[in-house]
Amino acid sequence: MKALIVIALVVIVGALASAGVLMLRGKHDPGRADTRMARALAVRVGLSIALFLFILLSWRMGWIQPGGLPLSR
């Protein structure tokens, strides 16, 4: 379960990096680069929401348990 969450986070960061690269290199073809950058950011937002809902569902189903911080030493 933890591996799936880590993979999803890596994909989200990859989509963010892709949008950043498209933003920096999109000066040659502004129209096409803008739509690709917007699509990459939309994918990132969609994946972030899906990951949040998956973690929430996993917690409700009992697949993962919150660890929390220890209250005493």
C-alpha atoms as a PDB file:
ATOM      1  CA  MET A   1       0.000   0.000   0.000  1.00  0.00           C
ATOM      2  CA  LYS A   2       2.807   2.399   0.907  1.00  0.00           C
ATOM      3  CA  ALA A   3       4.555   1.674  -2.388  1.00  0.00           C
ATOM      4  CA  LEU A   4       1.418   2.616  -4.323  1.00  0.00           C
ATOM      5  CA  ILE A   5       1.192   5.943  -2.482  1.00  0.00           C
ATOM      6  CA  VAL A   6       4.876   6.675  -3.079  1.00  0.00           C
ATOM      7  CA  ILE A   7       4.540   5.849  -6.792  1.00  0.00           C
ATOM      8  CA  ALA A   8       1.525   8.166  -7.050  1.00  0.00           C
ATOM      9  CA  LEU A   9       3.479  10.966  -5.367  1.00  0.00           C
ATOM     10  CA  VAL A  10       6.386  10.466  -7.785  1.00  0.00           C
ATOM     11  CA  VAL A  11       3.989  10.652 -10.752  1.00  0.00           C
ATOM     12  CA  ILE A  12       2.451  13.846  -9.341  1.00  0.00           C
ATOM     13  CA  VAL A  13       5.882  15.442  -8.949  1.00  0.00           C
ATOM     14  CA  GLY A  14       6.753  14.276 -12.489  1.00  0.00           C
ATOM     15  CA  ALA A  15       3.670  15.996 -13.883  1.00  0.00           C
ATOM     16  CA  LEU A  16       4.613  19.166 -12.024  1.00  0.00           C
ATOM     17  CA  ALA A  17       8.169  18.995 -13.395  1.00  0.00           C
ATOM     18  CA  SER A  18       6.815  18.411 -16.898  1.00  0.00           C
ATOM     19  CA  ALA A  19       4.665  21.535 -16.624  1.00  0.00           C
ATOM     20  CA  GLY A  20       7.668  23.497 -15.396  1.00  0.00           C
ATOM     21  CA  VAL A  21       9.797  22.370 -18.321  1.00  0.00           C
ATOM     22  CA  LEU A  22       7.017  23.225 -20.757  1.00  0.00           C
ATOM     23  CA  MET A  23       6.670  26.655 -19.167  1.00  0.00           C
ATOM     24  CA  LEU A  24      10.390  27.399 -19.476  1.00  0.00           C
ATOM     25  CA  ARG A  25      10.841  26.032 -22.995  1.00  0.00           C
ATOM     26  CA  GLY A  26       7.523  27.137 -24.458  1.00  0.00           C
ATOM     27  CA  LYS A  27       8.754  30.428 -25.874  1.00  0.00           C
ATOM     28  CA  HIS A  28       9.188  29.054 -29.417  1.00  0.00           C
ATOM     29  CA  ASP A  29       5.583  27.925 -29.846  1.00  0.00           C
ATOM     30  CA  PRO A  30       3.454  29.746 -27.241  1.00  0.00           C
ATOM     31  CA  GLY A  31       0.027  28.391 -28.195  1.00  0.00           C
ATOM     32  CA  ARG A  32       0.938  24.720 -28.221  1.00  0.00           C
ATOM     33  CA  ALA A  33       3.157  24.912 -25.124  1.00  0.00           C
ATOM     34  CA  ASP A  34       0.423  26.657 -23.133  1.00  0.00           C
ATOM     35  CA  THR A  35      -2.121  23.932 -23.818  1.00  0.00           C
ATOM     36  CA  ARG A  36       0.379  21.180 -23.009  1.00  0.00           C
ATOM     37  CA  MET A  37       1.378  22.942 -19.791  1.00  0.00           C
ATOM     38  CA  ALA A  38      -2.270  23.385 -18.794  1.00  0.00           C
ATOM     39  CA  ARG A  39      -2.915  19.702 -19.504  1.00  0.00           C
ATOM     40  CA  ALA A  40       0.091  18.670 -17.377  1.00  0.00           C
ATOM     41  CA  LEU A  41      -1.140  20.827 -14.496  1.00  0.00           C
ATOM     42  CA  ALA A  42      -4.668  19.448 -14.862  1.00  0.00           C
ATOM     43  CA  VAL A  43      -3.267  15.912 -14.706  1.00  0.00           C
ATOM     44  CA  ARG A  44      -1.346  16.842 -11.554  1.00  0.00           C
ATOM     45  CA  VAL A  45      -4.444  18.243  -9.863  1.00  0.00           C
ATOM     46  CA  GLY A  46      -6.516  15.228 -10.892  1.00  0.00           C
ATOM     47  CA  LEU A  47      -3.915  12.790  -9.596  1.00  0.00           C
ATOM     48  CA  SER A  48      -3.615  14.711  -6.321  1.00  0.00           C
ATOM     49  CA  ILE A  49      -7.367  14.574  -5.765  1.00  0.00           C
ATOM     50  CA  ALA A  50      -7.473  10.888  -6.699  1.00  0.00           C
ATOM     51  CA  LEU A  51      -4.626  10.119  -4.285  1.00  0.00           C
ATOM     52  CA  PHE A  52      -6.357  12.000  -1.470  1.00  0.00           C
ATOM     53  CA  LEU A  53      -9.604  10.119  -2.077  1.00  0.00           C
ATOM     54  CA  PHE A  54      -7.724   6.808  -2.276  1.00  0.00           C
ATOM     55  CA  ILE A  55      -6.006   7.461   1.064  1.00  0.00           C
ATOM     56  CA  LEU A  56      -9.334   8.431   2.621  1.00  0.00           C
ATOM     57  CA  LEU A  57     -11.010   5.293   1.242  1.00  0.00           C
ATOM     58  CA  SER A  58      -8.100   3.120   2.406  1.00  0.00           C
ATOM     59  CA  TRP A  59      -8.407   4.506   5.903  1.00  0.00           C
ATOM     60  CA  ARG A  60     -12.182   3.946   5.983  1.00  0.00           C
ATOM     61  CA  MET A  61     -11.790   0.355   4.720  1.00  0.00           C
ATOM     62  CA  GLY A  62      -9.118  -0.379   7.327  1.00  0.00           C
ATOM     63  CA  TRP A  63      -6.314  -0.991   4.820  1.00  0.00           C
ATOM     64  CA  ILE A  64      -4.114   1.654   6.445  1.00  0.00           C
ATOM     65  CA  GLN A  65      -3.958   2.915  10.012  1.00  0.00           C
ATOM     66  CA  PRO A  66      -2.910   6.384  11.116  1.00  0.00           C
ATOM     67  CA  GLY A  67       0.372   6.336  13.000  1.00  0.00           C
ATOM     68  CA  GLY A  68       0.215   9.714  14.644  1.00  0.00           C
ATOM     69  CA  LEU A  69       2.824  11.225  16.886  1.00  0.00           C
ATOM     70  CA  PRO A  70       3.731   9.603  20.196  1.00  0.00           C
ATOM     71  CA  LEU A  71       2.276  11.597  23.083  1.00  0.00           C
ATOM     72  CA  SER A  72       4.887  10.544  25.643  1.00  0.00           C
ATOM     73  CA  ARG A  73       8.478   9.381  25.505  1.00  0.00           C
END
